Structures are given as structure tokens and as C-alpha cells.
Amino acid sequence: MTRIFPIALTATPAQVRCAPILLRGDLAGAFRTAAELGCAGLEVHLRYPSDVQAGQLKRWISDYGLAVPTIGTGMAATLDGLTLAHPDPAIRRQALERLRAHVDLAAEIGSAVTIGSVSGRLGPDEAQRSERRAAALDALAELCRYAHACSVTILLEPLNRYECDYLNTVADVLNVAEEIGAPNLKLLADTFHMNIEETDIAAALAAAGPRLGHVHLADSNRQAPGRGHLDFAPVLASLARSGYRGFLSFEILPVPDPLTAAQQGIRTVQALSDILTAAQKGE
């Protein structure tokens, strides 16, 4: 079975509600499920880095032959209100300290760290937006410097306008990367958000170029690819043309159940990969 891109599932040891995370609660079971489904990785989402011990993660990584491509940090924002754009400098500092701890864990297990919801919002007050954006970017730059010293990549994810008010498109993140100039800052592209914000998903992915570090595949309804109206053929074709060989990770709702959702996503990616492979052989 040919796979152009390695596949990862998403998991968390927390019992979260309404989050687009497939496997919840039993992290050991999540590693086992991902391995049994032939995946190459398991993206782990943590509220606190101490929610799982690095030694235990390394044992599961070894036992199941899986990578942890990135550590999700969004629960720091959604559950604890910690964001890099918060108007209170003390809250921004708490967010940065939490993220540094995530970086420490990532350094031990060879993972990246995702910055999504924790980017925060600038708010509606135009007089304050510029100041809060500068503060958020200063905090992000500080985190990148800390992560660079630990050989950890930071993945910055643009979110749709209903979840973030200043990092919505691939171009937004590329501009921030240019401003900060951190060599370890990469883009995480999520097709669910891109379906809302980008005029052409395939073109936006191509524009990301070597800055593209990770991809979340989710359909228009945040379910598995193939359960909504998104056309993933041009998405995967664009990734293949650009030379992207990183993970495709299913940050999706566990609908109708986690296993069925994972299998649906894998089947969709496999079918499109087969078409791409056949087309490449026919050239």
C-alpha cells in the first residue's frame, strides 16, 4: 500500500467535550489504535505538559513505532484563558511559561509544538489592536528563541475569523514569520479553517512553500475527509507538487465514533494517494 504522506491521528489524555480530537482519555490505547490502523504518528494534545510523563511517551513511541509530530496546546486557551495576545501582561507571561514547558516536553520526545488558539484575539478596540499584536508577536518571538535553543519547531496555525481575529490565512502567518525571522517557525495549515478563509486552498498551500511544517486534514463540517463537501484531490495534489512530505493529521470530530472517523479519513487519503501515484507513473 503506497502512501505519499505519513498519516497521524489526534489524541488527548483529557476528557474534553466538543473538541476536534479523535481519541480521548486513554493515551496508551490511542497509540495502539494509531499503530493498528497503520498510521505513522499520533498528535498529542495536552492542557498541561505534566499531564503525561516524557518517559512514558518515549516508551509508547518506541513500543508502537510511532512519531509524535506535534504537541497541541489549545487547551491552555480554551480551558484556562491563557493567550499570547491577552491584554494583561501577567496572563501573557503565564501563557508563555506554559508554552515553554510544552517545548521542554517536545525537546525530550522529538516533537514540534503547535500555537493555535493560544495566539488569542486582539479585540475590537482599534486603538489597542496594534499594541496587542506587537505584544503577541514579541511573546511568540521569545518562545521561538527558547524553542530554537532546544531544537524544537514552533508550528503557527491560522484560524478562522470566528476563533481568531488577526491570524486567519496562510498569508497572515507568512507575514508574521517574516516579521519575527525565526528559522524554527513553521506554518500549520488546517483545511477546515482554510475552507472558510482562503479563496483557493491548493494555491495557498503552494504559496506556503518550505514554511509548511504540518497539515491538518478536516472536512468542511470538521468531520473526517469525505464526510463534508471539501474536494481533497487538489489539496493533496498541491502538497505533492510542492514536495511536502510531512504529516497529514486528522484533527477532526469523533463522528460517528472515533474508529469509524479515523478509518474514513485514512480511506479518503489512501484513495487520493493511489490516484496521485498512478498519475505520477503515467507522466
C-alpha atoms as a PDB file:
ATOM      1  CA  MET A   1       0.000   0.000   0.000  1.00  0.00           C
ATOM      2  CA  THR A   2       1.594   3.267  -1.158  1.00  0.00           C
ATOM      3  CA  ARG A   3       1.275   6.376   0.976  1.00  0.00           C
ATOM      4  CA  ILE A   4       2.783   9.608  -0.259  1.00  0.00           C
ATOM      5  CA  PHE A   5       2.256  11.281   3.103  1.00  0.00           C
ATOM      6  CA  PRO A   6       2.535   9.848   6.625  1.00  0.00           C
ATOM      7  CA  ILE A   7      -0.768   9.847   8.499  1.00  0.00           C
ATOM      8  CA  ALA A   8      -1.329  10.845  12.136  1.00  0.00           C
ATOM      9  CA  LEU A   9      -4.350  10.675  14.413  1.00  0.00           C
ATOM     10  CA  THR A  10      -5.061  13.147  17.228  1.00  0.00           C
ATOM     11  CA  ALA A  11      -5.341  12.206  20.896  1.00  0.00           C
ATOM     12  CA  THR A  12      -5.507  13.672  24.385  1.00  0.00           C
ATOM     13  CA  PRO A  13      -5.441  12.144  27.860  1.00  0.00           C
ATOM     14  CA  ALA A  14      -8.166  14.641  28.852  1.00  0.00           C
ATOM     15  CA  GLN A  15     -11.902  14.037  28.689  1.00  0.00           C
ATOM     16  CA  VAL A  16     -12.788  17.044  26.554  1.00  0.00           C
ATOM     17  CA  ARG A  17     -16.136  17.905  25.026  1.00  0.00           C
ATOM     18  CA  CYS A  18     -16.729  19.344  21.555  1.00  0.00           C
ATOM     19  CA  ALA A  19     -13.020  19.392  20.692  1.00  0.00           C
ATOM     20  CA  PRO A  20     -11.860  18.178  17.253  1.00  0.00           C
ATOM     21  CA  ILE A  21      -9.699  15.457  18.786  1.00  0.00           C
ATOM     22  CA  LEU A  22     -10.315  11.846  17.784  1.00  0.00           C
ATOM     23  CA  LEU A  23      -9.058   9.750  20.697  1.00  0.00           C
ATOM     24  CA  ARG A  24      -9.663  10.878  24.270  1.00  0.00           C
ATOM     25  CA  GLY A  25      -8.750   9.669  27.738  1.00  0.00           C
ATOM     26  CA  ASP A  26      -6.708   6.509  27.186  1.00  0.00           C
ATOM     27  CA  LEU A  27      -3.447   7.693  25.664  1.00  0.00           C
ATOM     28  CA  ALA A  28      -1.877   4.229  25.641  1.00  0.00           C
ATOM     29  CA  GLY A  29      -4.937   2.959  23.789  1.00  0.00           C
ATOM     30  CA  ALA A  30      -4.644   5.848  21.348  1.00  0.00           C
ATOM     31  CA  PHE A  31      -1.081   4.824  20.455  1.00  0.00           C
ATOM     32  CA  ARG A  32      -2.253   1.248  19.999  1.00  0.00           C
ATOM     33  CA  THR A  33      -5.172   2.283  17.776  1.00  0.00           C
ATOM     34  CA  ALA A  34      -2.985   4.505  15.593  1.00  0.00           C
ATOM     35  CA  ALA A  35      -0.485   1.673  15.122  1.00  0.00           C
ATOM     36  CA  GLU A  36      -3.196  -0.873  14.338  1.00  0.00           C
ATOM     37  CA  LEU A  37      -4.614   1.435  11.663  1.00  0.00           C
ATOM     38  CA  GLY A  38      -1.213   1.716  10.001  1.00  0.00           C
ATOM     39  CA  CYS A  39      -0.602   5.342  10.952  1.00  0.00           C
ATOM     40  CA  ALA A  40       2.881   6.768  11.333  1.00  0.00           C
ATOM     41  CA  GLY A  41       2.149   9.222  14.120  1.00  0.00           C
ATOM     42  CA  LEU A  42      -0.060  10.393  16.955  1.00  0.00           C
ATOM     43  CA  GLU A  43      -0.519  14.116  17.554  1.00  0.00           C
ATOM     44  CA  VAL A  44      -0.891  14.626  21.301  1.00  0.00           C
ATOM     45  CA  HIS A  45      -2.924  17.493  22.769  1.00  0.00           C
ATOM     46  CA  LEU A  46      -2.230  18.475  26.377  1.00  0.00           C
ATOM     47  CA  ARG A  47      -3.647  21.002  28.794  1.00  0.00           C
ATOM     48  CA  TYR A  48      -0.548  20.770  30.966  1.00  0.00           C
ATOM     49  CA  PRO A  49       2.731  19.219  29.808  1.00  0.00           C
ATOM     50  CA  SER A  50       2.744  17.345  33.123  1.00  0.00           C
ATOM     51  CA  ASP A  51      -0.435  15.500  32.088  1.00  0.00           C
ATOM     52  CA  VAL A  52       1.869  12.831  30.672  1.00  0.00           C
ATOM     53  CA  GLN A  53       5.431  11.925  31.543  1.00  0.00           C
ATOM     54  CA  ALA A  54       8.097  12.196  28.845  1.00  0.00           C
ATOM     55  CA  GLY A  55       9.456   8.768  29.753  1.00  0.00           C
ATOM     56  CA  GLN A  56       6.058   7.154  29.251  1.00  0.00           C
ATOM     57  CA  LEU A  57       5.585   8.926  25.926  1.00  0.00           C
ATOM     58  CA  LYS A  58       9.000   7.730  24.759  1.00  0.00           C
ATOM     59  CA  ARG A  59       8.113   4.156  25.696  1.00  0.00           C
ATOM     60  CA  TRP A  60       4.887   4.302  23.686  1.00  0.00           C
ATOM     61  CA  ILE A  61       6.722   5.901  20.772  1.00  0.00           C
ATOM     62  CA  SER A  62       9.226   3.037  20.854  1.00  0.00           C
ATOM     63  CA  ASP A  63       6.731   0.247  21.517  1.00  0.00           C
ATOM     64  CA  TYR A  64       4.357   1.238  18.714  1.00  0.00           C
ATOM     65  CA  GLY A  65       6.869   2.676  16.248  1.00  0.00           C
ATOM     66  CA  LEU A  66       5.063   5.987  16.031  1.00  0.00           C
ATOM     67  CA  ALA A  67       6.202   9.600  15.990  1.00  0.00           C
ATOM     68  CA  VAL A  68       4.546  12.447  17.880  1.00  0.00           C
ATOM     69  CA  PRO A  69       4.748  15.077  15.135  1.00  0.00           C
ATOM     70  CA  THR A  70       3.461  17.917  17.311  1.00  0.00           C
ATOM     71  CA  ILE A  71       2.028  18.729  20.729  1.00  0.00           C
ATOM     72  CA  GLY A  72      -1.251  20.653  20.700  1.00  0.00           C
ATOM     73  CA  THR A  73      -1.540  23.485  23.235  1.00  0.00           C
ATOM     74  CA  GLY A  74      -5.031  24.871  22.588  1.00  0.00           C
ATOM     75  CA  MET A  75      -6.483  23.807  25.938  1.00  0.00           C
ATOM     76  CA  ALA A  76      -4.308  26.435  27.635  1.00  0.00           C
ATOM     77  CA  ALA A  77      -6.516  28.980  25.874  1.00  0.00           C
ATOM     78  CA  THR A  78      -9.901  27.270  25.760  1.00  0.00           C
ATOM     79  CA  LEU A  79      -9.860  25.956  29.340  1.00  0.00           C
ATOM     80  CA  ASP A  80      -7.509  28.347  31.148  1.00  0.00           C
ATOM     81  CA  GLY A  81      -7.786  31.593  29.176  1.00  0.00           C
ATOM     82  CA  LEU A  82      -4.046  31.830  28.535  1.00  0.00           C
ATOM     83  CA  THR A  83      -3.173  33.570  25.270  1.00  0.00           C
ATOM     84  CA  LEU A  84      -0.243  35.485  23.826  1.00  0.00           C
ATOM     85  CA  ALA A  85      -2.486  38.423  22.867  1.00  0.00           C
ATOM     86  CA  HIS A  86      -4.176  38.843  26.250  1.00  0.00           C
ATOM     87  CA  PRO A  87      -4.365  42.499  27.388  1.00  0.00           C
ATOM     88  CA  ASP A  88      -2.966  41.563  30.815  1.00  0.00           C
ATOM     89  CA  PRO A  89       0.848  41.187  30.677  1.00  0.00           C
ATOM     90  CA  ALA A  90       0.686  38.746  33.591  1.00  0.00           C
ATOM     91  CA  ILE A  91      -1.624  36.436  31.628  1.00  0.00           C
ATOM     92  CA  ARG A  92       0.634  36.669  28.582  1.00  0.00           C
ATOM     93  CA  ARG A  93       3.566  35.690  30.794  1.00  0.00           C
ATOM     94  CA  GLN A  94       1.636  32.710  32.176  1.00  0.00           C
ATOM     95  CA  ALA A  95       0.821  31.625  28.633  1.00  0.00           C
ATOM     96  CA  LEU A  96       4.472  31.880  27.659  1.00  0.00           C
ATOM     97  CA  GLU A  97       5.557  29.881  30.705  1.00  0.00           C
ATOM     98  CA  ARG A  98       3.035  27.138  29.888  1.00  0.00           C
ATOM     99  CA  LEU A  99       4.273  27.021  26.304  1.00  0.00           C
ATOM    100  CA  ARG A 100       7.897  26.840  27.379  1.00  0.00           C
ATOM    101  CA  ALA A 101       7.013  23.759  29.409  1.00  0.00           C
ATOM    102  CA  HIS A 102       5.435  22.261  26.282  1.00  0.00           C
ATOM    103  CA  VAL A 103       8.680  22.993  24.436  1.00  0.00           C
ATOM    104  CA  ASP A 104      10.647  21.217  27.150  1.00  0.00           C
ATOM    105  CA  LEU A 105       8.491  18.125  26.709  1.00  0.00           C
ATOM    106  CA  ALA A 106       8.720  18.358  22.917  1.00  0.00           C
ATOM    107  CA  ALA A 107      12.510  18.507  23.117  1.00  0.00           C
ATOM    108  CA  GLU A 108      12.550  15.235  25.061  1.00  0.00           C
ATOM    109  CA  ILE A 109      10.374  13.324  22.605  1.00  0.00           C
ATOM    110  CA  GLY A 110      11.436  14.909  19.305  1.00  0.00           C
ATOM    111  CA  SER A 111       8.186  16.762  18.640  1.00  0.00           C
ATOM    112  CA  ALA A 112       7.102  20.188  17.426  1.00  0.00           C
ATOM    113  CA  VAL A 113       4.726  22.475  19.373  1.00  0.00           C
ATOM    114  CA  THR A 114       1.543  23.927  17.874  1.00  0.00           C
ATOM    115  CA  ILE A 115       0.396  27.505  18.503  1.00  0.00           C
ATOM    116  CA  GLY A 116      -3.259  27.793  17.511  1.00  0.00           C
ATOM    117  CA  SER A 117      -5.947  29.020  19.906  1.00  0.00           C
ATOM    118  CA  VAL A 118      -3.282  30.258  22.295  1.00  0.00           C
ATOM    119  CA  SER A 119      -2.499  33.025  19.788  1.00  0.00           C
ATOM    120  CA  GLY A 120      -5.608  34.701  21.202  1.00  0.00           C
ATOM    121  CA  ARG A 121      -7.582  37.691  19.946  1.00  0.00           C
ATOM    122  CA  LEU A 122      -6.716  41.374  19.617  1.00  0.00           C
ATOM    123  CA  GLY A 123     -10.236  42.571  20.372  1.00  0.00           C
ATOM    124  CA  PRO A 124     -12.491  45.140  18.680  1.00  0.00           C
ATOM    125  CA  ASP A 125     -10.801  48.301  20.012  1.00  0.00           C
ATOM    126  CA  GLU A 126      -8.801  49.626  17.079  1.00  0.00           C
ATOM    127  CA  ALA A 127      -6.726  51.822  19.382  1.00  0.00           C
ATOM    128  CA  GLN A 128      -5.437  48.747  21.204  1.00  0.00           C
ATOM    129  CA  ARG A 129      -5.123  46.241  18.384  1.00  0.00           C
ATOM    130  CA  SER A 130      -1.695  47.386  17.203  1.00  0.00           C
ATOM    131  CA  GLU A 131      -0.286  47.326  20.744  1.00  0.00           C
ATOM    132  CA  ARG A 132      -1.725  43.882  21.497  1.00  0.00           C
ATOM    133  CA  ARG A 133      -0.491  42.466  18.194  1.00  0.00           C
ATOM    134  CA  ALA A 134       3.006  43.713  18.945  1.00  0.00           C
ATOM    135  CA  ALA A 135       2.860  42.156  22.407  1.00  0.00           C
ATOM    136  CA  ALA A 136       1.653  38.844  20.987  1.00  0.00           C
ATOM    137  CA  LEU A 137       4.413  38.772  18.380  1.00  0.00           C
ATOM    138  CA  ASP A 138       7.023  39.685  20.984  1.00  0.00           C
ATOM    139  CA  ALA A 139       5.877  36.731  23.099  1.00  0.00           C
ATOM    140  CA  LEU A 140       5.872  34.439  20.075  1.00  0.00           C
ATOM    141  CA  ALA A 141       9.376  35.553  19.113  1.00  0.00           C
ATOM    142  CA  GLU A 142      10.562  34.894  22.664  1.00  0.00           C
ATOM    143  CA  LEU A 143       9.026  31.417  22.534  1.00  0.00           C
ATOM    144  CA  CYS A 144      10.701  30.729  19.183  1.00  0.00           C
ATOM    145  CA  ARG A 145      14.077  31.730  20.567  1.00  0.00           C
ATOM    146  CA  TYR A 146      13.598  29.439  23.551  1.00  0.00           C
ATOM    147  CA  ALA A 147      12.457  26.584  21.291  1.00  0.00           C
ATOM    148  CA  HIS A 148      15.332  27.122  18.874  1.00  0.00           C
ATOM    149  CA  ALA A 149      17.808  26.611  21.694  1.00  0.00           C
ATOM    150  CA  CYS A 150      16.032  23.288  22.360  1.00  0.00           C
ATOM    151  CA  SER A 151      15.961  22.314  18.635  1.00  0.00           C
ATOM    152  CA  VAL A 152      12.145  22.436  18.653  1.00  0.00           C
ATOM    153  CA  THR A 153       9.965  23.684  15.775  1.00  0.00           C
ATOM    154  CA  ILE A 154       7.046  26.002  16.524  1.00  0.00           C
ATOM    155  CA  LEU A 155       4.018  25.486  14.273  1.00  0.00           C
ATOM    156  CA  LEU A 156       1.825  28.586  13.939  1.00  0.00           C
ATOM    157  CA  GLU A 157      -1.715  27.821  12.791  1.00  0.00           C
ATOM    158  CA  PRO A 158      -4.024  30.360  11.142  1.00  0.00           C
ATOM    159  CA  LEU A 159      -7.591  30.020  12.457  1.00  0.00           C
ATOM    160  CA  ASN A 160     -10.890  31.118  11.006  1.00  0.00           C
ATOM    161  CA  ARG A 161     -12.324  34.560  11.821  1.00  0.00           C
ATOM    162  CA  TYR A 162     -14.716  33.139  14.425  1.00  0.00           C
ATOM    163  CA  GLU A 163     -11.810  31.820  16.518  1.00  0.00           C
ATOM    164  CA  CYS A 164      -9.093  34.416  15.906  1.00  0.00           C
ATOM    165  CA  ASP A 165      -9.113  37.989  14.660  1.00  0.00           C
ATOM    166  CA  TYR A 166      -5.593  38.501  13.310  1.00  0.00           C
ATOM    167  CA  LEU A 167      -4.117  35.193  12.107  1.00  0.00           C
ATOM    168  CA  ASN A 168      -6.672  33.881   9.634  1.00  0.00           C
ATOM    169  CA  THR A 169      -4.834  32.991   6.437  1.00  0.00           C
ATOM    170  CA  VAL A 170      -1.631  31.396   5.266  1.00  0.00           C
ATOM    171  CA  ALA A 171      -0.510  34.875   4.172  1.00  0.00           C
ATOM    172  CA  ASP A 172      -1.092  36.211   7.693  1.00  0.00           C
ATOM    173  CA  VAL A 173       1.208  33.582   9.188  1.00  0.00           C
ATOM    174  CA  LEU A 174       3.830  34.013   6.457  1.00  0.00           C
ATOM    175  CA  ASN A 175       3.872  37.736   7.207  1.00  0.00           C
ATOM    176  CA  VAL A 176       4.364  37.057  10.911  1.00  0.00           C
ATOM    177  CA  ALA A 177       7.148  34.601  10.135  1.00  0.00           C
ATOM    178  CA  GLU A 178       8.828  37.300   8.054  1.00  0.00           C
ATOM    179  CA  GLU A 179       8.457  39.848  10.860  1.00  0.00           C
ATOM    180  CA  ILE A 180       9.845  37.547  13.534  1.00  0.00           C
ATOM    181  CA  GLY A 181      12.529  35.982  11.366  1.00  0.00           C
ATOM    182  CA  ALA A 182      12.734  32.817  13.466  1.00  0.00           C
ATOM    183  CA  PRO A 183      14.187  29.898  11.482  1.00  0.00           C
ATOM    184  CA  ASN A 184      12.225  27.375  13.569  1.00  0.00           C
ATOM    185  CA  LEU A 185       8.809  28.983  12.991  1.00  0.00           C
ATOM    186  CA  LYS A 186       6.728  26.978  10.525  1.00  0.00           C
ATOM    187  CA  LEU A 187       3.139  27.024   9.298  1.00  0.00           C
ATOM    188  CA  LEU A 188       0.455  24.554  10.309  1.00  0.00           C
ATOM    189  CA  ALA A 189      -2.270  24.536   7.651  1.00  0.00           C
ATOM    190  CA  ASP A 190      -5.737  23.246   8.580  1.00  0.00           C
ATOM    191  CA  THR A 191      -8.198  22.647   5.743  1.00  0.00           C
ATOM    192  CA  PHE A 192     -11.226  23.310   7.984  1.00  0.00           C
ATOM    193  CA  HIS A 193     -10.069  26.860   8.648  1.00  0.00           C
ATOM    194  CA  MET A 194      -8.762  27.283   5.104  1.00  0.00           C
ATOM    195  CA  ASN A 195     -12.193  26.376   3.700  1.00  0.00           C
ATOM    196  CA  ILE A 196     -13.547  29.466   5.467  1.00  0.00           C
ATOM    197  CA  GLU A 197     -10.711  31.921   4.886  1.00  0.00           C
ATOM    198  CA  GLU A 198      -8.821  31.036   1.696  1.00  0.00           C
ATOM    199  CA  THR A 199     -10.120  31.714  -1.799  1.00  0.00           C
ATOM    200  CA  ASP A 200      -8.060  28.790  -3.153  1.00  0.00           C
ATOM    201  CA  ILE A 201      -6.813  26.183  -0.671  1.00  0.00           C
ATOM    202  CA  ALA A 202      -4.432  24.493  -3.097  1.00  0.00           C
ATOM    203  CA  ALA A 203      -2.869  27.815  -4.124  1.00  0.00           C
ATOM    204  CA  ALA A 204      -2.465  28.894  -0.502  1.00  0.00           C
ATOM    205  CA  LEU A 205      -0.678  25.647   0.332  1.00  0.00           C
ATOM    206  CA  ALA A 206       1.626  26.122  -2.650  1.00  0.00           C
ATOM    207  CA  ALA A 207       2.394  29.678  -1.501  1.00  0.00           C
ATOM    208  CA  ALA A 208       3.493  28.376   1.906  1.00  0.00           C
ATOM    209  CA  GLY A 209       6.462  26.634   0.282  1.00  0.00           C
ATOM    210  CA  PRO A 210       9.160  25.430   2.688  1.00  0.00           C
ATOM    211  CA  ARG A 211       7.455  27.191   5.604  1.00  0.00           C
ATOM    212  CA  LEU A 212       4.767  24.485   5.626  1.00  0.00           C
ATOM    213  CA  GLY A 213       5.542  22.202   8.545  1.00  0.00           C
ATOM    214  CA  HIS A 214       2.333  20.278   9.279  1.00  0.00           C
ATOM    215  CA  VAL A 215      -1.148  19.785   7.808  1.00  0.00           C
ATOM    216  CA  HIS A 216      -4.486  19.119   9.479  1.00  0.00           C
ATOM    217  CA  LEU A 217      -6.996  17.451   7.193  1.00  0.00           C
ATOM    218  CA  ALA A 218     -10.608  18.078   8.191  1.00  0.00           C
ATOM    219  CA  ASP A 219     -13.698  18.385   6.054  1.00  0.00           C
ATOM    220  CA  SER A 220     -15.993  21.402   5.840  1.00  0.00           C
ATOM    221  CA  ASN A 221     -18.028  20.184   8.842  1.00  0.00           C
ATOM    222  CA  ARG A 222     -14.940  19.384  10.973  1.00  0.00           C
ATOM    223  CA  GLN A 223     -15.519  15.697  10.384  1.00  0.00           C
ATOM    224  CA  ALA A 224     -13.278  13.189   8.614  1.00  0.00           C
ATOM    225  CA  PRO A 225     -12.287  13.899   4.996  1.00  0.00           C
ATOM    226  CA  GLY A 226     -15.062  12.507   2.834  1.00  0.00           C
ATOM    227  CA  ARG A 227     -17.907  13.413   5.205  1.00  0.00           C
ATOM    228  CA  GLY A 228     -18.309  17.018   4.064  1.00  0.00           C
ATOM    229  CA  HIS A 229     -18.134  18.948   0.791  1.00  0.00           C
ATOM    230  CA  LEU A 230     -14.407  19.709   0.543  1.00  0.00           C
ATOM    231  CA  ASP A 231     -12.575  18.385  -2.510  1.00  0.00           C
ATOM    232  CA  PHE A 232      -9.308  16.985  -1.185  1.00  0.00           C
ATOM    233  CA  ALA A 233      -7.920  15.916  -4.580  1.00  0.00           C
ATOM    234  CA  PRO A 234      -6.439  19.360  -5.429  1.00  0.00           C
ATOM    235  CA  VAL A 235      -5.255  19.736  -1.822  1.00  0.00           C
ATOM    236  CA  LEU A 236      -3.161  16.565  -1.909  1.00  0.00           C
ATOM    237  CA  ALA A 237      -2.041  17.264  -5.471  1.00  0.00           C
ATOM    238  CA  SER A 238      -0.770  20.703  -4.428  1.00  0.00           C
ATOM    239  CA  LEU A 239       1.096  19.210  -1.471  1.00  0.00           C
ATOM    240  CA  ALA A 240       2.666  16.553  -3.693  1.00  0.00           C
ATOM    241  CA  ARG A 241       3.758  19.110  -6.309  1.00  0.00           C
ATOM    242  CA  SER A 242       5.315  21.354  -3.685  1.00  0.00           C
ATOM    243  CA  GLY A 243       7.379  18.477  -2.311  1.00  0.00           C
ATOM    244  CA  TYR A 244       5.674  18.431   1.081  1.00  0.00           C
ATOM    245  CA  ARG A 245       6.320  15.123   2.814  1.00  0.00           C
ATOM    246  CA  GLY A 246       5.242  15.981   6.336  1.00  0.00           C
ATOM    247  CA  PHE A 247       2.298  14.560   8.253  1.00  0.00           C
ATOM    248  CA  LEU A 248      -1.366  14.710   7.355  1.00  0.00           C
ATOM    249  CA  SER A 249      -3.104  14.698  10.722  1.00  0.00           C
ATOM    250  CA  PHE A 250      -6.820  14.243  11.384  1.00  0.00           C
ATOM    251  CA  GLU A 251      -7.820  16.985  13.817  1.00  0.00           C
ATOM    252  CA  ILE A 252     -11.475  16.092  13.478  1.00  0.00           C
ATOM    253  CA  LEU A 253     -14.598  15.375  15.483  1.00  0.00           C
ATOM    254  CA  PRO A 254     -15.004  11.702  16.500  1.00  0.00           C
ATOM    255  CA  VAL A 255     -18.211  11.356  14.468  1.00  0.00           C
ATOM    256  CA  PRO A 256     -19.969   8.942  14.345  1.00  0.00           C
ATOM    257  CA  ASP A 257     -17.292   7.398  16.573  1.00  0.00           C
ATOM    258  CA  PRO A 258     -13.501   7.686  16.801  1.00  0.00           C
ATOM    259  CA  LEU A 259     -12.616   4.474  14.970  1.00  0.00           C
ATOM    260  CA  THR A 260     -15.066   4.991  12.107  1.00  0.00           C
ATOM    261  CA  ALA A 261     -13.923   8.592  11.688  1.00  0.00           C
ATOM    262  CA  ALA A 262     -10.260   7.580  11.588  1.00  0.00           C
ATOM    263  CA  GLN A 263     -10.944   4.811   9.075  1.00  0.00           C
ATOM    264  CA  GLN A 264     -12.937   7.200   6.875  1.00  0.00           C
ATOM    265  CA  GLY A 265     -10.092   9.710   6.808  1.00  0.00           C
ATOM    266  CA  ILE A 266      -7.500   7.059   6.063  1.00  0.00           C
ATOM    267  CA  ARG A 267      -9.587   5.606   3.203  1.00  0.00           C
ATOM    268  CA  THR A 268     -10.030   9.039   1.640  1.00  0.00           C
ATOM    269  CA  VAL A 269      -6.323   9.875   1.791  1.00  0.00           C
ATOM    270  CA  GLN A 270      -5.349   6.419   0.544  1.00  0.00           C
ATOM    271  CA  ALA A 271      -7.677   6.600  -2.459  1.00  0.00           C
ATOM    272  CA  LEU A 272      -6.339  10.022  -3.443  1.00  0.00           C
ATOM    273  CA  SER A 273      -2.746   8.905  -2.873  1.00  0.00           C
ATOM    274  CA  ASP A 274      -3.325   5.960  -5.214  1.00  0.00           C
ATOM    275  CA  ILE A 275      -4.627   8.330  -7.900  1.00  0.00           C
ATOM    276  CA  LEU A 276      -1.643  10.641  -7.467  1.00  0.00           C
ATOM    277  CA  THR A 277       0.798   7.753  -7.614  1.00  0.00           C
ATOM    278  CA  ALA A 278      -0.806   6.401 -10.778  1.00  0.00           C
ATOM    279  CA  ALA A 279      -0.711   9.844 -12.381  1.00  0.00           C
ATOM    280  CA  GLN A 280       2.962  10.264 -11.499  1.00  0.00           C
ATOM    281  CA  LYS A 281       3.801   6.889 -13.031  1.00  0.00           C
ATOM    282  CA  GLY A 282       1.953   7.809 -16.194  1.00  0.00           C
ATOM    283  CA  GLU A 283       3.922  11.003 -16.735  1.00  0.00           C
END
